[in-house]
C-alpha atoms as a PDB file:
ATOM      1  CA  MET A   1       1.275  -2.806 -12.664  1.00  0.00           C
ATOM      2  CA  LYS A   2       2.745  -4.211  -9.495  1.00  0.00           C
ATOM      3  CA  ILE A   3       4.724  -1.092  -7.903  1.00  0.00           C
ATOM      4  CA  ALA A   4       4.630  -0.412  -4.216  1.00  0.00           C
ATOM      5  CA  LEU A   5       4.267   3.595  -3.456  1.00  0.00           C
ATOM      6  CA  SER A   6       6.588   5.343  -1.145  1.00  0.00           C
ATOM      7  CA  THR A   7       4.569   8.694  -0.469  1.00  0.00           C
ATOM      8  CA  ALA A   8       1.257  10.289   0.604  1.00  0.00           C
ATOM      9  CA  ARG A   9       1.165  10.939  -2.810  1.00  0.00           C
ATOM     10  CA  ALA A  10       2.016   7.550  -4.155  1.00  0.00           C
ATOM     11  CA  ALA A  11      -0.406   5.996  -2.051  1.00  0.00           C
ATOM     12  CA  ARG A  12      -3.219   7.657  -3.951  1.00  0.00           C
ATOM     13  CA  ALA A  13      -1.417   6.639  -7.182  1.00  0.00           C
ATOM     14  CA  GLY A  14      -0.943   3.441  -8.935  1.00  0.00           C
ATOM     15  CA  ILE A  15       0.322   0.894 -11.747  1.00  0.00           C
ATOM     16  CA  ALA A  16       1.394  -1.331 -13.995  1.00  0.00           C
ATOM     17  CA  ALA A  17       1.847  -1.057 -15.222  1.00  0.00           C
ATOM     18  CA  VAL A  18       4.281  -1.536 -14.888  1.00  0.00           C
ATOM     19  CA  ALA A  19       5.994  -2.477 -12.957  1.00  0.00           C
ATOM     20  CA  LEU A  20       4.712  -3.856 -10.250  1.00  0.00           C
ATOM     21  CA  SER A  21       4.492  -7.347  -6.325  1.00  0.00           C
ATOM     22  CA  SER A  22       4.012  -9.147  -3.055  1.00  0.00           C
ATOM     23  CA  LEU A  23       1.804 -10.262  -0.242  1.00  0.00           C
ATOM     24  CA  MET A  24       0.893 -10.299   3.266  1.00  0.00           C
ATOM     25  CA  LEU A  25      -1.504 -12.842   4.722  1.00  0.00           C
ATOM     26  CA  VAL A  26      -4.621 -11.420   6.223  1.00  0.00           C
ATOM     27  CA  GLY A  27      -4.361 -13.552   9.213  1.00  0.00           C
ATOM     28  CA  ALA A  28      -3.972 -16.975   8.121  1.00  0.00           C
ATOM     29  CA  CYS A  29      -5.845 -15.668   4.854  1.00  0.00           C
ATOM     30  CA  SER A  30      -8.893 -13.674   5.965  1.00  0.00           C
ATOM     31  CA  ASN A  31     -12.598 -15.218   5.613  1.00  0.00           C
ATOM     32  CA  SER A  32     -14.989 -12.570   4.264  1.00  0.00           C
ATOM     33  CA  SER A  33     -18.390 -14.484   3.850  1.00  0.00           C
ATOM     34  CA  SER A  34     -21.410 -13.442   1.941  1.00  0.00           C
ATOM     35  CA  GLY A  35     -25.226 -13.542   2.127  1.00  0.00           C
ATOM     36  CA  ASP A  36     -27.067 -16.333   1.087  1.00  0.00           C
ATOM     37  CA  THR A  37     -28.284 -14.820  -2.439  1.00  0.00           C
ATOM     38  CA  SER A  38     -26.393 -16.333  -5.576  1.00  0.00           C
ATOM     39  CA  SER A  39     -26.015 -15.535  -9.066  1.00  0.00           C
ATOM     40  CA  GLY A  40     -24.623 -17.289 -11.810  1.00  0.00           C
ATOM     41  CA  GLY A  41     -23.507 -20.770 -12.607  1.00  0.00           C
ATOM     42  CA  ASP A  42     -23.200 -23.112  -9.650  1.00  0.00           C
ATOM     43  CA  ALA A  43     -22.369 -20.378  -7.297  1.00  0.00           C
ATOM     44  CA  SER A  44     -23.593 -20.871  -3.813  1.00  0.00           C
ATOM     45  CA  LYS A  45     -22.723 -19.948  -0.264  1.00  0.00           C
ATOM     46  CA  ASP A  46     -20.859 -23.478  -0.151  1.00  0.00           C
ATOM     47  CA  VAL A  47     -18.197 -21.906  -2.633  1.00  0.00           C
ATOM     48  CA  THR A  48     -15.364 -20.366  -1.462  1.00  0.00           C
ATOM     49  CA  ILE A  49     -12.345 -19.018  -3.672  1.00  0.00           C
ATOM     50  CA  GLY A  50      -9.127 -17.319  -2.962  1.00  0.00           C
ATOM     51  CA  ILE A  51      -8.037 -13.949  -3.541  1.00  0.00           C
ATOM     52  CA  VAL A  52      -3.865 -13.436  -3.349  1.00  0.00           C
ATOM     53  CA  GLU A  53      -3.146 -10.002  -3.995  1.00  0.00           C
ATOM     54  CA  LEU A  54      -0.280  -7.421  -3.925  1.00  0.00           C
ATOM     55  CA  ASN A  55       0.554  -4.555  -1.635  1.00  0.00           C
ATOM     56  CA  LEU A  56      -2.811  -2.560  -0.903  1.00  0.00           C
ATOM     57  CA  SER A  57      -1.008   0.655  -0.085  1.00  0.00           C
ATOM     58  CA  ASN A  58      -1.254   0.992  -3.937  1.00  0.00           C
ATOM     59  CA  PRO A  59      -4.374   1.609  -5.005  1.00  0.00           C
ATOM     60  CA  PHE A  60      -4.331  -0.078  -7.779  1.00  0.00           C
ATOM     61  CA  PHE A  61      -4.113  -3.468  -6.019  1.00  0.00           C
ATOM     62  CA  ALA A  62      -6.895  -2.544  -3.542  1.00  0.00           C
ATOM     63  CA  THR A  63      -8.948  -1.384  -6.372  1.00  0.00           C
ATOM     64  CA  LEU A  64      -8.725  -4.707  -7.970  1.00  0.00           C
ATOM     65  CA  GLU A  65      -8.883  -6.444  -4.462  1.00  0.00           C
ATOM     66  CA  LYS A  66     -12.129  -4.534  -3.718  1.00  0.00           C
ATOM     67  CA  ASN A  67     -14.049  -5.260  -7.236  1.00  0.00           C
ATOM     68  CA  THR A  68     -13.109  -9.092  -7.316  1.00  0.00           C
ATOM     69  CA  GLU A  69     -14.117  -9.615  -3.642  1.00  0.00           C
ATOM     70  CA  ALA A  70     -17.720  -7.620  -4.519  1.00  0.00           C
ATOM     71  CA  ALA A  71     -18.078  -9.901  -7.728  1.00  0.00           C
ATOM     72  CA  ALA A  72     -17.338 -12.966  -6.090  1.00  0.00           C
ATOM     73  CA  THR A  73     -19.519 -12.385  -2.763  1.00  0.00           C
ATOM     74  CA  SER A  74     -22.566 -11.232  -5.155  1.00  0.00           C
ATOM     75  CA  LYS A  75     -22.682 -14.794  -6.239  1.00  0.00           C
ATOM     76  CA  GLY A  76     -23.076 -15.947  -2.771  1.00  0.00           C
ATOM     77  CA  TRP A  77     -19.305 -17.187  -2.301  1.00  0.00           C
ATOM     78  CA  LYS A  78     -17.280 -16.994   0.480  1.00  0.00           C
ATOM     79  CA  VAL A  79     -13.479 -15.549   0.281  1.00  0.00           C
ATOM     80  CA  MET A  80      -9.823 -16.138   1.075  1.00  0.00           C
ATOM     81  CA  LYS A  81      -7.599 -13.039   0.995  1.00  0.00           C
ATOM     82  CA  ALA A  82      -3.813 -12.709   0.990  1.00  0.00           C
ATOM     83  CA  GLU A  83      -1.978  -9.507   0.439  1.00  0.00           C
ATOM     84  CA  ALA A  84       1.573  -8.477  -0.346  1.00  0.00           C
ATOM     85  CA  LYS A  85       4.192  -7.346   2.059  1.00  0.00           C
ATOM     86  CA  VAL A  86       6.961  -6.211  -0.284  1.00  0.00           C
ATOM     87  CA  PRO A  87       7.757  -6.252  -4.295  1.00  0.00           C
ATOM     88  CA  GLY A  88       8.762  -9.725  -5.027  1.00  0.00           C
ATOM     89  CA  ASP A  89       7.460 -11.381  -1.700  1.00  0.00           C
ATOM     90  CA  SER A  90       6.662 -14.487  -3.898  1.00  0.00           C
ATOM     91  CA  ALA A  91       6.934 -17.080  -0.588  1.00  0.00           C
ATOM     92  CA  THR A  92       4.324 -15.389   0.940  1.00  0.00           C
ATOM     93  CA  GLN A  93       2.201 -15.787  -1.740  1.00  0.00           C
ATOM     94  CA  VAL A  94       3.223 -19.622  -1.876  1.00  0.00           C
ATOM     95  CA  THR A  95       2.188 -19.868   1.750  1.00  0.00           C
ATOM     96  CA  ALA A  96      -1.011 -18.515   0.906  1.00  0.00           C
ATOM     97  CA  ILE A  97      -1.957 -20.870  -1.985  1.00  0.00           C
ATOM     98  CA  GLU A  98      -1.012 -23.607   0.039  1.00  0.00           C
ATOM     99  CA  ASN A  99      -3.503 -22.719   2.646  1.00  0.00           C
ATOM    100  CA  MET A 100      -6.140 -22.165  -0.075  1.00  0.00           C
ATOM    101  CA  ILE A 101      -5.433 -25.707  -1.372  1.00  0.00           C
ATOM    102  CA  ASN A 102      -5.716 -27.239   2.203  1.00  0.00           C
ATOM    103  CA  LYS A 103      -8.793 -25.086   2.767  1.00  0.00           C
ATOM    104  CA  GLY A 104     -10.421 -26.780  -0.280  1.00  0.00           C
ATOM    105  CA  VAL A 105     -11.195 -23.531  -2.459  1.00  0.00           C
ATOM    106  CA  LYS A 106     -12.759 -23.581  -5.782  1.00  0.00           C
ATOM    107  CA  ALA A 107     -10.614 -21.149  -7.613  1.00  0.00           C
ATOM    108  CA  ILE A 108      -7.936 -18.747  -7.069  1.00  0.00           C
ATOM    109  CA  VAL A 109      -7.637 -15.584  -8.356  1.00  0.00           C
ATOM    110  CA  LEU A 110      -3.885 -14.627  -8.212  1.00  0.00           C
ATOM    111  CA  ASP A 111      -2.079 -11.433  -8.626  1.00  0.00           C
ATOM    112  CA  PRO A 112       1.371 -12.754  -8.931  1.00  0.00           C
ATOM    113  CA  ALA A 113       4.602 -11.117  -7.265  1.00  0.00           C
ATOM    114  CA  ASN A 114       7.102 -13.076  -9.130  1.00  0.00           C
ATOM    115  CA  PRO A 115       6.310 -15.014 -13.191  1.00  0.00           C
ATOM    116  CA  THR A 116       7.903 -18.123 -12.317  1.00  0.00           C
ATOM    117  CA  ALA A 117       8.222 -18.517  -8.575  1.00  0.00           C
ATOM    118  CA  LEU A 118       4.717 -19.486  -8.110  1.00  0.00           C
ATOM    119  CA  VAL A 119       4.264 -21.734 -11.464  1.00  0.00           C
ATOM    120  CA  ASP A 120       5.010 -25.207  -8.769  1.00  0.00           C
ATOM    121  CA  VAL A 121       2.211 -24.108  -6.484  1.00  0.00           C
ATOM    122  CA  VAL A 122      -0.189 -23.446  -9.319  1.00  0.00           C
ATOM    123  CA  LYS A 123      -0.028 -26.657 -10.568  1.00  0.00           C
ATOM    124  CA  LYS A 124      -0.475 -28.062  -7.495  1.00  0.00           C
ATOM    125  CA  ALA A 125      -3.388 -25.837  -7.002  1.00  0.00           C
ATOM    126  CA  ARG A 126      -4.563 -27.082 -10.735  1.00  0.00           C
ATOM    127  CA  ASP A 127      -3.724 -30.551 -10.122  1.00  0.00           C
ATOM    128  CA  LYS A 128      -6.515 -30.548  -7.543  1.00  0.00           C
ATOM    129  CA  GLY A 129      -8.913 -29.375  -9.711  1.00  0.00           C
ATOM    130  CA  ILE A 130      -8.911 -25.584  -8.433  1.00  0.00           C
ATOM    131  CA  LEU A 131      -9.368 -23.083 -11.387  1.00  0.00           C
ATOM    132  CA  VAL A 132      -6.772 -20.543 -11.276  1.00  0.00           C
ATOM    133  CA  VAL A 133      -6.332 -17.425 -13.108  1.00  0.00           C
ATOM    134  CA  THR A 134      -4.086 -14.288 -13.159  1.00  0.00           C
ATOM    135  CA  VAL A 135      -5.037 -10.647 -12.869  1.00  0.00           C
ATOM    136  CA  ASN A 136      -2.640  -7.855 -13.723  1.00  0.00           C
ATOM    137  CA  ALA A 137       0.523  -9.746 -14.577  1.00  0.00           C
ATOM    138  CA  THR A 138       0.986 -13.289 -16.136  1.00  0.00           C
ATOM    139  CA  LEU A 139       3.006 -16.250 -15.026  1.00  0.00           C
ATOM    140  CA  THR A 140       6.157 -17.684 -17.216  1.00  0.00           C
ATOM    141  CA  PRO A 141       4.760 -19.885 -19.337  1.00  0.00           C
ATOM    142  CA  ILE A 142       1.669 -17.651 -19.460  1.00  0.00           C
ATOM    143  CA  ASP A 143      -0.523 -20.964 -19.711  1.00  0.00           C
ATOM    144  CA  ALA A 144       0.800 -21.949 -16.225  1.00  0.00           C
ATOM    145  CA  ALA A 145      -2.439 -20.376 -15.382  1.00  0.00           C
ATOM    146  CA  ASP A 146      -5.424 -21.284 -16.680  1.00  0.00           C
ATOM    147  CA  ALA A 147      -6.014 -17.619 -17.870  1.00  0.00           C
ATOM    148  CA  THR A 148      -4.912 -14.266 -17.534  1.00  0.00           C
ATOM    149  CA  PHE A 149      -6.888 -11.088 -17.296  1.00  0.00           C
ATOM    150  CA  ALA A 150      -4.987  -7.843 -17.558  1.00  0.00           C
ATOM    151  CA  THR A 151      -4.040  -4.564 -19.386  1.00  0.00           C
ATOM    152  CA  ASP A 152      -2.135  -5.441 -22.579  1.00  0.00           C
ATOM    153  CA  ASN A 153       0.767  -3.335 -21.696  1.00  0.00           C
ATOM    154  CA  GLU A 154       2.617  -3.405 -24.804  1.00  0.00           C
ATOM    155  CA  ALA A 155      -0.576  -2.101 -26.731  1.00  0.00           C
ATOM    156  CA  ALA A 156      -0.743   0.465 -23.554  1.00  0.00           C
ATOM    157  CA  GLY A 157       2.632   1.541 -24.151  1.00  0.00           C
ATOM    158  CA  GLU A 158       2.322   1.406 -27.752  1.00  0.00           C
ATOM    159  CA  LEU A 159      -0.578   4.259 -27.229  1.00  0.00           C
ATOM    160  CA  ILE A 160       1.525   6.669 -25.438  1.00  0.00           C
ATOM    161  CA  GLY A 161       4.420   6.107 -27.798  1.00  0.00           C
ATOM    162  CA  LYS A 162       2.734   6.590 -30.887  1.00  0.00           C
ATOM    163  CA  TRP A 163       1.182   9.989 -28.726  1.00  0.00           C
ATOM    164  CA  ALA A 164       4.432  11.189 -27.775  1.00  0.00           C
ATOM    165  CA  LYS A 165       5.908  10.569 -31.818  1.00  0.00           C
ATOM    166  CA  ALA A 166       2.956  12.695 -33.117  1.00  0.00           C
ATOM    167  CA  VAL A 167       2.782  15.349 -30.367  1.00  0.00           C
ATOM    168  CA  GLY A 168       5.953  15.456 -28.435  1.00  0.00           C
ATOM    169  CA  PRO A 169       9.349  17.583 -29.576  1.00  0.00           C
ATOM    170  CA  ALA A 170      10.283  17.291 -33.259  1.00  0.00           C
ATOM    171  CA  ASP A 171      14.250  16.841 -31.984  1.00  0.00           C
ATOM    172  CA  PRO A 172      13.435  14.206 -29.247  1.00  0.00           C
ATOM    173  CA  GLN A 173      16.342  13.659 -26.286  1.00  0.00           C
ATOM    174  CA  ILE A 174      14.337  10.741 -24.771  1.00  0.00           C
ATOM    175  CA  ALA A 175      15.061   9.405 -20.967  1.00  0.00           C
ATOM    176  CA  MET A 176      13.068   6.464 -19.937  1.00  0.00           C
ATOM    177  CA  LEU A 177      12.285   5.729 -16.358  1.00  0.00           C
ATOM    178  CA  ASP A 178      11.310   2.027 -16.048  1.00  0.00           C
ATOM    179  CA  PHE A 179      10.808  -0.650 -13.213  1.00  0.00           C
ATOM    180  CA  ASP A 180      12.736  -3.967 -13.381  1.00  0.00           C
ATOM    181  CA  LEU A 181      12.147  -5.191 -16.661  1.00  0.00           C
ATOM    182  CA  SER A 182      12.128  -8.604 -15.803  1.00  0.00           C
ATOM    183  CA  ASP A 183       8.441  -7.647 -14.231  1.00  0.00           C
ATOM    184  CA  GLY A 184       6.080  -8.537 -17.141  1.00  0.00           C
ATOM    185  CA  PRO A 185       3.989  -5.424 -17.140  1.00  0.00           C
ATOM    186  CA  SER A 186       7.203  -3.027 -16.773  1.00  0.00           C
ATOM    187  CA  LYS A 187       8.937  -4.623 -19.926  1.00  0.00           C
ATOM    188  CA  GLY A 188       5.751  -4.574 -21.674  1.00  0.00           C
ATOM    189  CA  ARG A 189       5.271  -1.286 -21.422  1.00  0.00           C
ATOM    190  CA  HIS A 190       8.784  -0.342 -21.969  1.00  0.00           C
ATOM    191  CA  ASP A 191       8.939  -2.492 -25.315  1.00  0.00           C
ATOM    192  CA  GLY A 192       5.017  -0.993 -26.171  1.00  0.00           C
ATOM    193  CA  PHE A 193       6.606   2.830 -25.924  1.00  0.00           C
ATOM    194  CA  LEU A 194       9.445   1.778 -28.335  1.00  0.00           C
ATOM    195  CA  LYS A 195       7.091   0.449 -30.668  1.00  0.00           C
ATOM    196  CA  GLY A 196       4.833   2.847 -30.882  1.00  0.00           C
ATOM    197  CA  TYR A 197       7.753   5.584 -31.017  1.00  0.00           C
ATOM    198  CA  GLY A 198       9.434   3.653 -33.953  1.00  0.00           C
ATOM    199  CA  ILE A 199      12.694   3.210 -32.195  1.00  0.00           C
ATOM    200  CA  ALA A 200      14.460   0.191 -30.340  1.00  0.00           C
ATOM    201  CA  ASP A 201      16.622   0.065 -27.359  1.00  0.00           C
ATOM    202  CA  GLY A 202      19.971   1.524 -27.917  1.00  0.00           C
ATOM    203  CA  ASP A 203      18.512   3.944 -30.091  1.00  0.00           C
ATOM    204  CA  PRO A 204      20.805   7.335 -30.348  1.00  0.00           C
ATOM    205  CA  LEU A 205      17.503   9.385 -29.304  1.00  0.00           C
ATOM    206  CA  ILE A 206      17.602   7.523 -26.023  1.00  0.00           C
ATOM    207  CA  VAL A 207      20.001   9.693 -24.201  1.00  0.00           C
ATOM    208  CA  GLY A 208      19.567   8.208 -20.598  1.00  0.00           C
ATOM    209  CA  THR A 209      17.751   5.299 -18.737  1.00  0.00           C
ATOM    210  CA  ALA A 210      17.163   4.502 -15.660  1.00  0.00           C
ATOM    211  CA  LEU A 211      15.181   1.711 -13.079  1.00  0.00           C
ATOM    212  CA  THR A 212      12.894   3.448 -10.362  1.00  0.00           C
ATOM    213  CA  GLN A 213      10.562   1.633  -7.850  1.00  0.00           C
ATOM    214  CA  GLY A 214       7.713   3.184  -9.580  1.00  0.00           C
ATOM    215  CA  THR A 215       7.540   5.969  -6.766  1.00  0.00           C
ATOM    216  CA  VAL A 216       7.353   9.889  -6.573  1.00  0.00           C
ATOM    217  CA  ASP A 217      10.696  10.051  -4.418  1.00  0.00           C
ATOM    218  CA  THR A 218      12.516   7.663  -6.605  1.00  0.00           C
ATOM    219  CA  GLY A 219      11.213   9.044 -10.413  1.00  0.00           C
ATOM    220  CA  GLN A 220      12.080  12.258  -8.995  1.00  0.00           C
ATOM    221  CA  GLN A 221      15.531  11.051  -7.883  1.00  0.00           C
ATOM    222  CA  GLN A 222      16.492   9.503 -10.900  1.00  0.00           C
ATOM    223  CA  MET A 223      15.317  12.142 -12.953  1.00  0.00           C
ATOM    224  CA  GLU A 224      17.349  14.387 -11.358  1.00  0.00           C
ATOM    225  CA  SER A 225      20.566  12.484 -11.963  1.00  0.00           C
ATOM    226  CA  LEU A 226      19.802  11.846 -15.736  1.00  0.00           C
ATOM    227  CA  LEU A 227      18.823  15.928 -16.284  1.00  0.00           C
ATOM    228  CA  SER A 228      22.349  16.475 -14.453  1.00  0.00           C
ATOM    229  CA  ALA A 229      23.996  13.922 -17.276  1.00  0.00           C
ATOM    230  CA  HIS A 230      21.612  14.885 -20.242  1.00  0.00           C
ATOM    231  CA  PRO A 231      20.049  18.612 -19.600  1.00  0.00           C
ATOM    232  CA  ASP A 232      18.577  19.074 -23.025  1.00  0.00           C
ATOM    233  CA  ILE A 233      16.411  15.797 -22.200  1.00  0.00           C
ATOM    234  CA  ASN A 234      12.797  16.961 -23.712  1.00  0.00           C
ATOM    235  CA  LEU A 235      10.690  13.924 -23.764  1.00  0.00           C
ATOM    236  CA  VAL A 236      10.225  11.261 -21.027  1.00  0.00           C
ATOM    237  CA  TYR A 237       8.699   7.829 -20.656  1.00  0.00           C
ATOM    238  CA  THR A 238       7.703   6.725 -17.350  1.00  0.00           C
ATOM    239  CA  ILE A 239       6.710   3.333 -15.891  1.00  0.00           C
ATOM    240  CA  ASN A 240       3.559   4.602 -13.856  1.00  0.00           C
ATOM    241  CA  GLU A 241       1.891   8.083 -13.016  1.00  0.00           C
ATOM    242  CA  PRO A 242       3.547   8.481  -9.446  1.00  0.00           C
ATOM    243  CA  THR A 243       6.935   8.263 -11.495  1.00  0.00           C
ATOM    244  CA  ALA A 244       5.858  10.853 -13.647  1.00  0.00           C
ATOM    245  CA  HIS A 245       4.748  13.018 -11.080  1.00  0.00           C
ATOM    246  CA  GLY A 246       8.253  12.746  -9.271  1.00  0.00           C
ATOM    247  CA  ALA A 247       9.931  13.097 -12.434  1.00  0.00           C
ATOM    248  CA  ALA A 248       7.965  16.461 -13.416  1.00  0.00           C
ATOM    249  CA  THR A 249       9.144  17.842  -9.963  1.00  0.00           C
ATOM    250  CA  ALA A 250      12.790  17.475 -10.979  1.00  0.00           C
ATOM    251  CA  ILE A 251      11.750  18.605 -14.289  1.00  0.00           C
ATOM    252  CA  LYS A 252      10.300  21.869 -12.767  1.00  0.00           C
ATOM    253  CA  ASN A 253      13.286  22.700 -10.433  1.00  0.00           C
ATOM    254  CA  LEU A 254      16.633  21.641 -13.028  1.00  0.00           C
ATOM    255  CA  SER A 255      15.171  21.516 -16.523  1.00  0.00           C
ATOM    256  CA  LYS A 256      15.483  25.341 -19.037  1.00  0.00           C
ATOM    257  CA  ASN A 257      13.646  23.462 -21.483  1.00  0.00           C
ATOM    258  CA  PRO A 258       9.753  22.139 -22.046  1.00  0.00           C
ATOM    259  CA  VAL A 259       9.906  18.426 -21.574  1.00  0.00           C
ATOM    260  CA  THR A 260       6.755  16.182 -22.723  1.00  0.00           C
ATOM    261  CA  ILE A 261       6.179  13.386 -19.977  1.00  0.00           C
ATOM    262  CA  VAL A 262       4.059  10.238 -20.592  1.00  0.00           C
ATOM    263  CA  SER A 263       2.925   7.249 -18.787  1.00  0.00           C
ATOM    264  CA  VAL A 264       0.394   4.583 -17.978  1.00  0.00           C
ATOM    265  CA  ASP A 265      -2.156   3.728 -15.237  1.00  0.00           C
ATOM    266  CA  GLY A 266      -4.722   5.937 -14.913  1.00  0.00           C
ATOM    267  CA  ALA A 267      -5.219   6.903 -11.450  1.00  0.00           C
ATOM    268  CA  CYS A 268      -7.507   9.515 -10.833  1.00  0.00           C
ATOM    269  CA  SER A 269      -4.265  11.595  -9.517  1.00  0.00           C
ATOM    270  CA  GLY A 270      -2.534  10.853 -12.398  1.00  0.00           C
ATOM    271  CA  VAL A 271      -5.260  11.967 -14.877  1.00  0.00           C
ATOM    272  CA  GLN A 272      -5.519  15.099 -12.806  1.00  0.00           C
ATOM    273  CA  ASP A 273      -2.094  15.654 -13.657  1.00  0.00           C
ATOM    274  CA  VAL A 274      -2.857  15.223 -17.408  1.00  0.00           C
ATOM    275  CA  LYS A 275      -5.642  17.705 -16.666  1.00  0.00           C
ATOM    276  CA  ASP A 276      -2.978  20.320 -14.850  1.00  0.00           C
ATOM    277  CA  GLY A 277      -0.362  19.722 -17.824  1.00  0.00           C
ATOM    278  CA  VAL A 278       2.165  17.608 -15.930  1.00  0.00           C
ATOM    279  CA  ILE A 279       1.600  14.885 -17.960  1.00  0.00           C
ATOM    280  CA  GLY A 280       1.059  15.186 -21.568  1.00  0.00           C
ATOM    281  CA  ALA A 281      -0.531  11.235 -21.810  1.00  0.00           C
ATOM    282  CA  THR A 282      -1.345   8.440 -19.774  1.00  0.00           C
ATOM    283  CA  ALA A 283      -3.107   5.280 -20.550  1.00  0.00           C
ATOM    284  CA  MET A 284      -5.535   4.295 -18.491  1.00  0.00           C
ATOM    285  CA  GLN A 285      -6.322   0.748 -17.421  1.00  0.00           C
ATOM    286  CA  PHE A 286      -9.449  -0.953 -15.391  1.00  0.00           C
ATOM    287  CA  PRO A 287      -8.614  -2.930 -12.664  1.00  0.00           C
ATOM    288  CA  SER A 288     -12.059  -3.302 -11.870  1.00  0.00           C
ATOM    289  CA  LYS A 289     -12.660  -4.791 -15.026  1.00  0.00           C
ATOM    290  CA  MET A 290     -10.138  -7.298 -14.723  1.00  0.00           C
ATOM    291  CA  GLY A 291     -11.653  -8.250 -11.166  1.00  0.00           C
ATOM    292  CA  THR A 292     -15.020  -8.880 -13.045  1.00  0.00           C
ATOM    293  CA  MET A 293     -13.408 -10.828 -15.567  1.00  0.00           C
ATOM    294  CA  ALA A 294     -11.848 -12.964 -13.493  1.00  0.00           C
ATOM    295  CA  VAL A 295     -15.086 -13.899 -11.244  1.00  0.00           C
ATOM    296  CA  ASP A 296     -17.183 -14.689 -14.766  1.00  0.00           C
ATOM    297  CA  ALA A 297     -14.766 -17.158 -15.888  1.00  0.00           C
ATOM    298  CA  ILE A 298     -14.871 -18.893 -12.448  1.00  0.00           C
ATOM    299  CA  ALA A 299     -19.075 -18.592 -12.563  1.00  0.00           C
ATOM    300  CA  ALA A 300     -18.572 -20.113 -15.776  1.00  0.00           C
ATOM    301  CA  TYR A 301     -16.337 -23.192 -14.411  1.00  0.00           C
ATOM    302  CA  LEU A 302     -18.470 -23.659 -11.404  1.00  0.00           C
ATOM    303  CA  ALA A 303     -21.439 -23.768 -13.840  1.00  0.00           C
ATOM    304  CA  ASP A 304     -20.381 -26.530 -16.135  1.00  0.00           C
ATOM    305  CA  GLY A 305     -16.900 -27.174 -15.827  1.00  0.00           C
ATOM    306  CA  THR A 306     -15.714 -24.435 -19.363  1.00  0.00           C
ATOM    307  CA  LYS A 307     -12.401 -23.099 -18.493  1.00  0.00           C
ATOM    308  CA  PRO A 308     -11.700 -19.691 -19.781  1.00  0.00           C
ATOM    309  CA  GLN A 309      -9.572 -18.923 -22.732  1.00  0.00           C
ATOM    310  CA  SER A 310      -6.092 -19.642 -22.313  1.00  0.00           C
ATOM    311  CA  GLY A 311      -3.500 -16.581 -22.205  1.00  0.00           C
ATOM    312  CA  LEU A 312      -4.050 -12.984 -22.191  1.00  0.00           C
ATOM    313  CA  ASN A 313      -7.737 -11.498 -22.090  1.00  0.00           C
ATOM    314  CA  ASP A 314      -7.215  -8.272 -22.226  1.00  0.00           C
ATOM    315  CA  SER A 315      -9.114  -5.776 -19.978  1.00  0.00           C
ATOM    316  CA  GLY A 316      -8.237  -2.873 -22.274  1.00  0.00           C
ATOM    317  CA  SER A 317      -6.565   0.601 -21.787  1.00  0.00           C
ATOM    318  CA  VAL A 318      -7.378   4.043 -23.448  1.00  0.00           C
ATOM    319  CA  LEU A 319      -5.462   6.910 -24.238  1.00  0.00           C
ATOM    320  CA  ILE A 320      -5.878  10.013 -21.798  1.00  0.00           C
ATOM    321  CA  THR A 321      -5.027  13.432 -23.249  1.00  0.00           C
ATOM    322  CA  ASP A 322      -5.817  17.243 -23.740  1.00  0.00           C
ATOM    323  CA  LYS A 323      -3.679  17.368 -26.890  1.00  0.00           C
ATOM    324  CA  PRO A 324      -5.231  14.749 -29.244  1.00  0.00           C
ATOM    325  CA  ALA A 325      -2.903  13.022 -31.778  1.00  0.00           C
ATOM    326  CA  PRO A 326      -4.327  13.044 -35.274  1.00  0.00           C
ATOM    327  CA  GLY A 327      -5.763   9.576 -36.242  1.00  0.00           C
ATOM    328  CA  LEU A 328      -5.148   8.288 -32.682  1.00  0.00           C
ATOM    329  CA  ASP A 329      -8.045   7.564 -30.386  1.00  0.00           C
ATOM    330  CA  SER A 330      -8.152   9.221 -27.137  1.00  0.00           C
ATOM    331  CA  GLN A 331     -10.259  10.514 -24.529  1.00  0.00           C
ATOM    332  CA  ASP A 332     -10.002  13.709 -22.561  1.00  0.00           C
ATOM    333  CA  SER A 333      -9.194  14.046 -18.781  1.00  0.00           C
ATOM    334  CA  THR A 334     -12.738  15.372 -17.971  1.00  0.00           C
ATOM    335  CA  TRP A 335     -13.629  11.812 -19.258  1.00  0.00           C
ATOM    336  CA  GLY A 336     -10.642  10.358 -17.433  1.00  0.00           C
ATOM    337  CA  LEU A 337     -11.477  11.998 -14.030  1.00  0.00           C
ATOM    338  CA  ALA A 338     -15.161  10.420 -14.614  1.00  0.00           C
ATOM    339  CA  ASN A 339     -13.452   6.746 -15.113  1.00  0.00           C
ATOM    340  CA  CYS A 340     -10.378   6.442 -13.024  1.00  0.00           C
ATOM    341  CA  TRP A 341      -9.755   4.596 -10.374  1.00  0.00           C
ATOM    342  CA  GLY A 342      -8.404   5.565  -6.891  1.00  0.00           C
ATOM    343  CA  GLU A 343      -8.846   8.480  -4.851  1.00  0.00           C
ATOM    344  CA  LYS A 344     -10.335  11.772  -6.471  1.00  0.00           C
END
């Protein structure tokens, strides 16, 4: 999820999730050369692809870019890279893609900063015969790109919603800490949680909502405000694990009640919070798999022109909790720490 992080801890955790989206050119679009070996399809040392990512201070995006580049260079391809400055910096992404078109890349892997602002430049690339696939987030409409490889964020949100309904408080007073809901992953997680819990926006069980920046600091600040107005909050949905960690600090300082927190991400720091009892459950996503799926799709296209399946190709999500709910598949924090992403 496409959300920039603001503290030292946040720099070790990451989204969506939710929720998060922007870029900084590395030089004019940095070139990363590979060796001479190639594998798969039509790949060769003469092939160059573009990777346009979000802010790499977020380990989710750094993991996604690193794995995508490694998968590409293992095939003997060269890589042009660009990455995000601040959330929503679609203008820089547009410039990066235009540079890549001019350099004659064969394909572009894009993590879009904005679902609509990049549609025109992506069309320009596709009209030149360049395969454009998105990762982590989609364009609007989704078929503006050739394919998307990402977490089904609604499904991930539904996992934690179902868990919260089964394991959470019997008399819920729910708070929702979101990111900008015009962001696709954020809206998907939000809607999925509600669906999994069996309620809708405006339900009286939701006593407070707030928008965060997907960071530890804003999670704490907004949770403090919500607890001041609604001291009986006992269940908190959070857009990502840094927000959850900040919310937990506010709860520890201000709440007299036990509070259950759920989230989405699967960063190692977030899974550790599950192990430590800070987060009740989180839905783990797999940024490395997104990158591998994107590169495999490009290889097939270069081999014989076969395009990937249009729309969302789900990279999967797994519920991580040490308090399993009957009838709901999950893995514990030990499994989570063995399969998480980011700094351990």
